[in-house]
Structures are given as structure tokens and as C-alpha cells.
N, C-alpha and C. Protein backbone atom coordinates (compact mmCIF):
# COMPACT_ATOMS: atom_id res chain seq x y z
N MET A 1 136.68 79.10 51.23
CA MET A 1 137.40 77.74 51.18
C MET A 1 137.34 76.97 52.46
N HIS A 2 137.03 77.86 53.57
CA HIS A 2 136.94 77.23 54.84
C HIS A 2 135.89 76.04 54.93
N GLU A 3 134.81 76.23 54.13
CA GLU A 3 133.67 75.30 54.04
C GLU A 3 134.24 73.89 53.47
N LEU A 4 135.22 73.95 52.54
CA LEU A 4 135.80 72.63 52.09
C LEU A 4 136.25 71.80 53.20
N SER A 5 137.13 72.33 54.05
CA SER A 5 137.65 71.56 55.17
C SER A 5 136.60 71.05 56.18
N VAL A 6 135.47 71.81 56.39
CA VAL A 6 134.41 71.58 57.22
C VAL A 6 133.65 70.41 56.52
N ALA A 7 133.46 70.55 55.31
CA ALA A 7 132.66 69.45 54.57
C ALA A 7 133.44 68.02 54.65
N ARG A 8 134.75 68.21 54.41
CA ARG A 8 135.64 67.10 54.60
C ARG A 8 135.49 66.39 55.85
N ALA A 9 135.45 67.15 57.01
CA ALA A 9 135.19 66.63 58.31
C ALA A 9 133.90 65.99 58.53
N ILE A 10 132.91 66.57 57.92
CA ILE A 10 131.55 66.02 58.10
C ILE A 10 131.31 64.73 57.43
N VAL A 11 132.01 64.51 56.22
CA VAL A 11 131.90 63.27 55.45
C VAL A 11 132.80 62.38 56.18
N ASP A 12 133.99 62.63 56.69
CA ASP A 12 134.81 61.80 57.51
C ASP A 12 134.11 61.12 58.66
N ALA A 13 133.32 62.00 59.45
CA ALA A 13 132.63 61.64 60.59
C ALA A 13 131.43 60.65 60.30
N ALA A 14 130.73 61.00 59.22
CA ALA A 14 129.56 60.13 58.84
C ALA A 14 130.01 58.86 58.35
N THR A 15 131.06 58.84 57.61
CA THR A 15 131.60 57.53 57.10
C THR A 15 132.12 56.72 58.24
N ARG A 16 132.89 57.16 59.16
CA ARG A 16 133.26 56.45 60.40
C ARG A 16 132.06 55.82 61.01
N HIS A 17 130.99 56.48 61.16
CA HIS A 17 129.82 55.93 61.91
C HIS A 17 128.98 55.14 61.07
N ALA A 18 129.07 55.10 59.89
CA ALA A 18 128.10 54.32 58.98
C ALA A 18 128.27 52.80 58.91
N ASP A 19 129.44 52.44 59.40
CA ASP A 19 129.72 50.89 59.59
C ASP A 19 129.60 50.35 58.02
N GLY A 20 130.13 51.00 57.16
CA GLY A 20 130.19 50.35 55.87
C GLY A 20 128.89 50.52 54.95
N ARG A 21 127.87 51.08 55.55
CA ARG A 21 126.55 51.29 54.96
C ARG A 21 126.47 52.69 54.28
N ARG A 22 125.64 52.72 53.09
CA ARG A 22 125.55 53.98 52.35
C ARG A 22 124.87 54.97 53.28
N VAL A 23 125.33 56.33 53.38
CA VAL A 23 124.74 57.26 54.09
C VAL A 23 123.64 58.05 53.13
N LYS A 24 122.41 58.11 53.69
CA LYS A 24 121.41 58.88 52.95
C LYS A 24 121.26 60.25 53.44
N LEU A 25 121.49 60.47 54.66
CA LEU A 25 121.14 61.96 55.21
C LEU A 25 122.30 62.20 56.39
N VAL A 26 122.72 63.35 56.27
CA VAL A 26 123.51 63.91 57.58
C VAL A 26 122.87 65.14 57.98
N ALA A 27 122.46 65.12 59.34
CA ALA A 27 121.75 66.20 59.93
C ALA A 27 122.82 67.01 60.77
N LEU A 28 122.95 68.21 60.52
CA LEU A 28 124.00 69.03 61.04
C LEU A 28 123.39 70.27 61.83
N ARG A 29 123.95 70.65 62.96
CA ARG A 29 123.70 71.85 63.67
C ARG A 29 124.78 72.84 63.52
N LEU A 30 124.44 74.04 62.96
CA LEU A 30 125.44 74.94 62.50
C LEU A 30 125.15 76.30 63.14
N GLY A 31 126.06 76.85 64.10
CA GLY A 31 125.92 78.08 64.75
C GLY A 31 126.36 79.16 63.90
N SER A 32 125.50 80.36 64.03
CA SER A 32 125.83 81.50 63.20
C SER A 32 127.16 82.16 63.51
N LEU A 33 127.84 81.78 64.55
CA LEU A 33 129.11 82.48 64.82
C LEU A 33 130.25 81.65 64.22
N ARG A 34 129.96 80.51 63.63
CA ARG A 34 131.01 79.61 63.06
C ARG A 34 131.54 80.27 61.71
N GLN A 35 130.89 81.26 61.27
CA GLN A 35 131.46 81.85 60.00
C GLN A 35 131.58 80.86 58.64
N VAL A 36 130.44 80.02 58.75
CA VAL A 36 130.28 79.05 57.65
C VAL A 36 129.15 79.46 56.82
N VAL A 37 129.20 79.50 55.50
CA VAL A 37 128.26 79.97 54.52
C VAL A 37 127.41 78.64 54.21
N PRO A 38 126.13 78.50 54.58
CA PRO A 38 125.49 77.20 54.40
C PRO A 38 125.43 76.83 52.86
N ASP A 39 125.20 77.59 52.00
CA ASP A 39 125.14 77.21 50.60
C ASP A 39 126.49 76.64 50.09
N SER A 40 127.49 77.32 50.57
CA SER A 40 128.94 76.82 50.20
C SER A 40 129.21 75.56 50.75
N LEU A 41 128.85 75.31 52.07
CA LEU A 41 129.03 74.05 52.75
C LEU A 41 128.26 72.90 51.89
N SER A 42 127.10 73.18 51.47
CA SER A 42 126.34 72.21 50.80
C SER A 42 127.05 71.83 49.50
N PHE A 43 127.54 72.95 48.79
CA PHE A 43 128.25 72.75 47.60
C PHE A 43 129.49 71.80 47.78
N TYR A 44 130.38 72.17 48.81
CA TYR A 44 131.49 71.45 48.91
C TYR A 44 131.27 69.93 49.56
N PHE A 45 130.25 69.85 50.22
CA PHE A 45 129.78 68.47 50.85
C PHE A 45 129.56 67.52 49.56
N GLU A 46 128.77 67.98 48.68
CA GLU A 46 128.49 67.24 47.43
C GLU A 46 129.87 66.85 46.73
N ILE A 47 130.74 67.64 46.65
CA ILE A 47 132.10 67.35 46.08
C ILE A 47 132.89 66.47 46.82
N VAL A 48 132.97 66.66 48.06
CA VAL A 48 133.79 65.82 48.93
C VAL A 48 133.18 64.31 49.14
N ALA A 49 131.83 64.36 49.04
CA ALA A 49 131.19 62.88 49.25
C ALA A 49 131.32 62.12 48.02
N ARG A 50 131.71 62.69 46.90
CA ARG A 50 131.88 61.82 45.73
C ARG A 50 132.80 60.69 46.05
N ASP A 51 132.48 59.40 45.47
CA ASP A 51 133.05 58.18 45.68
C ASP A 51 133.33 57.75 47.08
N THR A 52 132.45 58.20 48.09
CA THR A 52 132.37 57.74 49.40
C THR A 52 131.03 57.29 49.79
N LEU A 53 130.95 56.68 51.01
CA LEU A 53 129.56 56.21 51.45
C LEU A 53 128.51 57.39 51.51
N CYS A 54 128.95 58.59 51.41
CA CYS A 54 128.15 59.76 51.50
C CYS A 54 127.69 60.26 50.14
N GLU A 55 128.09 59.62 49.01
CA GLU A 55 127.77 60.16 47.76
C GLU A 55 126.30 60.06 47.60
N GLY A 56 125.51 61.16 47.25
CA GLY A 56 124.17 61.38 46.96
C GLY A 56 123.43 61.67 48.28
N ALA A 57 124.10 61.65 49.39
CA ALA A 57 123.49 61.99 50.72
C ALA A 57 122.94 63.33 50.78
N THR A 58 121.91 63.64 51.52
CA THR A 58 121.43 65.02 51.71
C THR A 58 122.01 65.58 52.99
N LEU A 59 122.54 66.76 52.85
CA LEU A 59 123.04 67.41 54.04
C LEU A 59 122.04 68.41 54.56
N GLU A 60 121.38 68.16 55.76
CA GLU A 60 120.36 68.93 56.36
C GLU A 60 121.04 69.82 57.39
N GLN A 61 120.89 71.05 57.09
CA GLN A 61 121.57 72.03 58.12
C GLN A 61 120.44 72.76 59.02
N GLU A 62 120.64 72.62 60.31
CA GLU A 62 119.77 73.37 61.33
C GLU A 62 120.72 74.52 61.78
N LEU A 63 120.21 75.82 61.27
CA LEU A 63 120.97 76.98 61.69
C LEU A 63 120.63 77.53 63.25
N VAL A 64 121.70 77.59 64.02
CA VAL A 64 121.55 78.02 65.29
C VAL A 64 121.94 79.56 65.53
N ALA A 65 120.94 80.37 66.01
CA ALA A 65 121.28 81.65 66.16
C ALA A 65 122.10 81.86 67.34
N ALA A 66 122.97 83.07 67.37
CA ALA A 66 123.88 83.35 68.40
C ALA A 66 122.91 83.89 69.61
N ARG A 67 123.44 83.52 70.71
CA ARG A 67 122.87 84.00 71.95
C ARG A 67 123.92 84.22 73.03
N LEU A 68 123.97 85.42 73.56
CA LEU A 68 124.98 85.73 74.59
C LEU A 68 124.29 85.96 75.95
N ARG A 69 124.97 85.69 77.06
CA ARG A 69 124.45 85.91 78.37
C ARG A 69 125.54 86.65 79.20
N CYS A 70 125.04 87.65 80.02
CA CYS A 70 125.91 88.38 80.80
C CYS A 70 126.13 87.63 82.24
N PRO A 71 127.35 87.35 82.42
CA PRO A 71 127.65 86.69 83.84
C PRO A 71 127.38 87.55 84.88
N ALA A 72 127.35 88.81 84.81
CA ALA A 72 127.05 89.84 85.99
C ALA A 72 125.64 90.02 86.21
N CYS A 73 124.82 90.26 85.30
CA CYS A 73 123.37 90.61 85.48
C CYS A 73 122.45 89.50 85.03
N GLY A 74 122.92 88.62 84.10
CA GLY A 74 122.04 87.59 83.65
C GLY A 74 121.30 87.86 82.40
N PHE A 75 121.38 89.10 81.86
CA PHE A 75 120.76 89.45 80.71
C PHE A 75 121.19 88.67 79.42
N GLU A 76 120.26 88.31 78.63
CA GLU A 76 120.54 87.43 77.44
C GLU A 76 120.21 88.23 76.12
N TRP A 77 121.05 88.20 75.09
CA TRP A 77 120.81 88.84 73.92
C TRP A 77 121.38 88.19 72.65
N ASP A 78 120.85 88.55 71.50
CA ASP A 78 121.36 88.12 70.23
C ASP A 78 122.30 89.21 69.72
N PRO A 79 123.58 88.93 69.47
CA PRO A 79 124.48 89.91 69.15
C PRO A 79 124.26 90.55 67.69
N SER A 80 123.62 89.81 66.93
CA SER A 80 123.36 90.26 65.59
C SER A 80 122.19 91.30 65.42
N ARG A 81 121.39 91.38 66.50
CA ARG A 81 120.25 92.28 66.46
C ARG A 81 120.68 93.71 67.10
N GLY A 82 120.15 94.66 66.43
CA GLY A 82 120.46 96.00 66.73
C GLY A 82 122.04 96.22 66.52
N PRO A 83 122.56 97.09 67.37
CA PRO A 83 124.08 97.34 67.12
C PRO A 83 124.76 96.13 67.57
N VAL A 84 125.69 95.64 66.66
CA VAL A 84 126.40 94.41 67.10
C VAL A 84 127.36 94.58 68.30
N THR A 85 127.16 93.88 69.53
CA THR A 85 127.99 94.03 70.57
C THR A 85 128.06 92.71 71.29
N PHE A 86 129.24 92.49 71.82
CA PHE A 86 129.51 91.28 72.79
C PHE A 86 129.58 91.62 74.13
N ARG A 87 129.28 93.02 74.38
CA ARG A 87 129.11 93.35 75.80
C ARG A 87 127.69 93.61 76.10
N CYS A 88 127.38 93.39 77.33
CA CYS A 88 126.01 93.42 77.73
C CYS A 88 125.39 94.75 77.56
N PRO A 89 124.36 94.83 76.85
CA PRO A 89 123.51 96.08 76.57
C PRO A 89 123.04 96.73 77.93
N GLU A 90 122.87 96.00 78.97
CA GLU A 90 122.46 96.41 80.20
C GLU A 90 123.49 96.99 81.15
N CYS A 91 124.66 96.24 81.24
CA CYS A 91 125.73 96.70 82.24
C CYS A 91 127.16 96.80 81.60
N ALA A 92 127.26 96.50 80.28
CA ALA A 92 128.65 96.64 79.63
C ALA A 92 129.54 95.55 80.08
N THR A 93 129.22 94.53 80.69
CA THR A 93 130.06 93.44 81.06
C THR A 93 130.26 92.55 79.86
N PRO A 94 131.51 91.98 79.50
CA PRO A 94 131.65 91.17 78.36
C PRO A 94 130.71 89.85 78.49
N GLY A 95 130.06 89.62 77.44
CA GLY A 95 129.14 88.49 77.56
C GLY A 95 129.78 87.20 77.24
N GLU A 96 129.07 86.10 77.64
CA GLU A 96 129.49 84.62 77.44
C GLU A 96 128.65 84.13 76.40
N VAL A 97 129.10 83.29 75.37
CA VAL A 97 128.39 82.66 74.33
C VAL A 97 127.59 81.57 74.92
N GLU A 98 126.27 81.49 74.70
CA GLU A 98 125.31 80.47 75.15
C GLU A 98 125.03 79.66 73.97
N ALA A 99 124.98 80.24 72.76
CA ALA A 99 124.63 79.43 71.64
C ALA A 99 125.14 80.14 70.47
N GLY A 100 125.39 79.42 69.25
CA GLY A 100 126.00 80.07 68.00
C GLY A 100 127.27 79.56 67.71
N GLU A 101 127.97 78.67 68.63
CA GLU A 101 129.15 78.18 68.07
C GLU A 101 129.10 76.65 67.67
N GLU A 102 127.83 76.10 67.57
CA GLU A 102 127.70 74.77 67.21
C GLU A 102 128.23 74.43 65.88
N LEU A 103 128.91 73.30 65.81
CA LEU A 103 129.09 72.53 64.43
C LEU A 103 129.16 71.15 64.78
N GLU A 104 128.02 70.51 64.77
CA GLU A 104 127.77 69.20 65.26
C GLU A 104 126.95 68.35 64.25
N VAL A 105 127.55 67.16 64.00
CA VAL A 105 126.73 66.19 63.24
C VAL A 105 125.77 65.62 64.26
N GLU A 106 124.53 65.96 64.06
CA GLU A 106 123.40 65.71 65.01
C GLU A 106 123.04 64.18 64.79
N SER A 107 123.02 63.65 63.47
CA SER A 107 122.61 62.35 63.26
C SER A 107 122.90 61.98 61.80
N ILE A 108 122.89 60.70 61.53
CA ILE A 108 123.07 60.24 60.12
C ILE A 108 122.01 59.22 59.81
N GLU A 109 121.61 59.13 58.69
CA GLU A 109 120.73 58.14 58.24
C GLU A 109 121.23 57.20 57.21
N VAL A 110 121.42 55.96 57.52
CA VAL A 110 122.08 54.94 56.57
C VAL A 110 121.06 54.01 56.04
N GLU A 111 121.46 53.32 54.95
CA GLU A 111 120.70 52.28 54.39
C GLU A 111 120.85 51.00 55.11
N ASP A 112 119.82 50.08 55.51
CA ASP A 112 120.04 48.85 55.98
C ASP A 112 120.24 47.95 54.89
N ALA A 113 120.36 46.60 55.17
CA ALA A 113 120.64 45.68 54.25
C ALA A 113 119.68 45.68 53.15
N ALA A 114 118.53 46.01 53.42
CA ALA A 114 117.48 45.91 52.33
C ALA A 114 117.31 47.41 51.61
N GLY A 115 118.19 48.15 51.98
CA GLY A 115 118.22 49.62 51.27
C GLY A 115 117.31 50.61 51.89
N ALA A 116 116.68 50.36 52.99
CA ALA A 116 115.76 51.35 53.61
C ALA A 116 116.79 52.15 54.53
N GLY A 117 116.26 53.44 54.82
CA GLY A 117 116.92 54.27 55.81
C GLY A 117 116.81 53.87 57.27
N VAL A 118 117.92 53.91 58.01
CA VAL A 118 117.95 53.54 59.25
C VAL A 118 118.78 54.79 60.08
N PRO A 119 118.03 55.58 60.99
CA PRO A 119 118.72 56.56 61.67
C PRO A 119 119.85 56.05 62.64
N GLN A 120 120.94 56.74 62.71
CA GLN A 120 122.10 56.49 63.53
C GLN A 120 122.23 57.53 64.54
């Protein structure tokens, strides 16, 4: 159900920036640490977009893999590979998230006055 509120926020953001024009495409960057199921998000996006400028728009999701970095030794790793750990595999220092927490509307494509797509 978390995906419902995320979908609602995406539709709201796209609608605000569409300037009254119909939205054709919403490009989203979605980090793997966000605990969002992409198929569920697409499903709820379609529902929430009904009767809005986003109705019929495509939700394009770019999935961003998690990447952590050790502040002590600089080692970088993907916490989902091998044993899942948020401590540095080299020196056991707690890692800092470098990537994987993204939840960003990267761009939207809207129709211009003639009905053609215009990136925003």
C-alpha cells in the first residue's frame, strides 16, 4: 500500500509542472533501498492518474542499485550482493549510502498545443 502514496505524490508533482498540458510520460529514478515494488507502483500510478492530466501517461522507471561506501577505508560495495551487510566488508566500519535511496521524478513529457510530446 506504500506504493499508493508514492504514486499519488508522483502524479501531483507531474501535474504541477505540466502547466495544464496533458502528460504523456513520467521518467522516475527509483532506488532499491526505497522498498518500492516497481510493478505495484505502475499499477497504482494508473489508478491515481485517472481523471488527471496524467491519465494514460507512461511511467518509466529507472531502477538504481544500492551502493555503499566506507568512510574509513573508501571501499565501495553493493549490500545486496553476497551476505547483506551495511558494515564495510574490509574493515567493519558502518557504511554510508552512496546510491539506492533515489525517488526522483527525472522528467516529464507533455503535449504541446498541437498534441506532440515536449520534454520538461
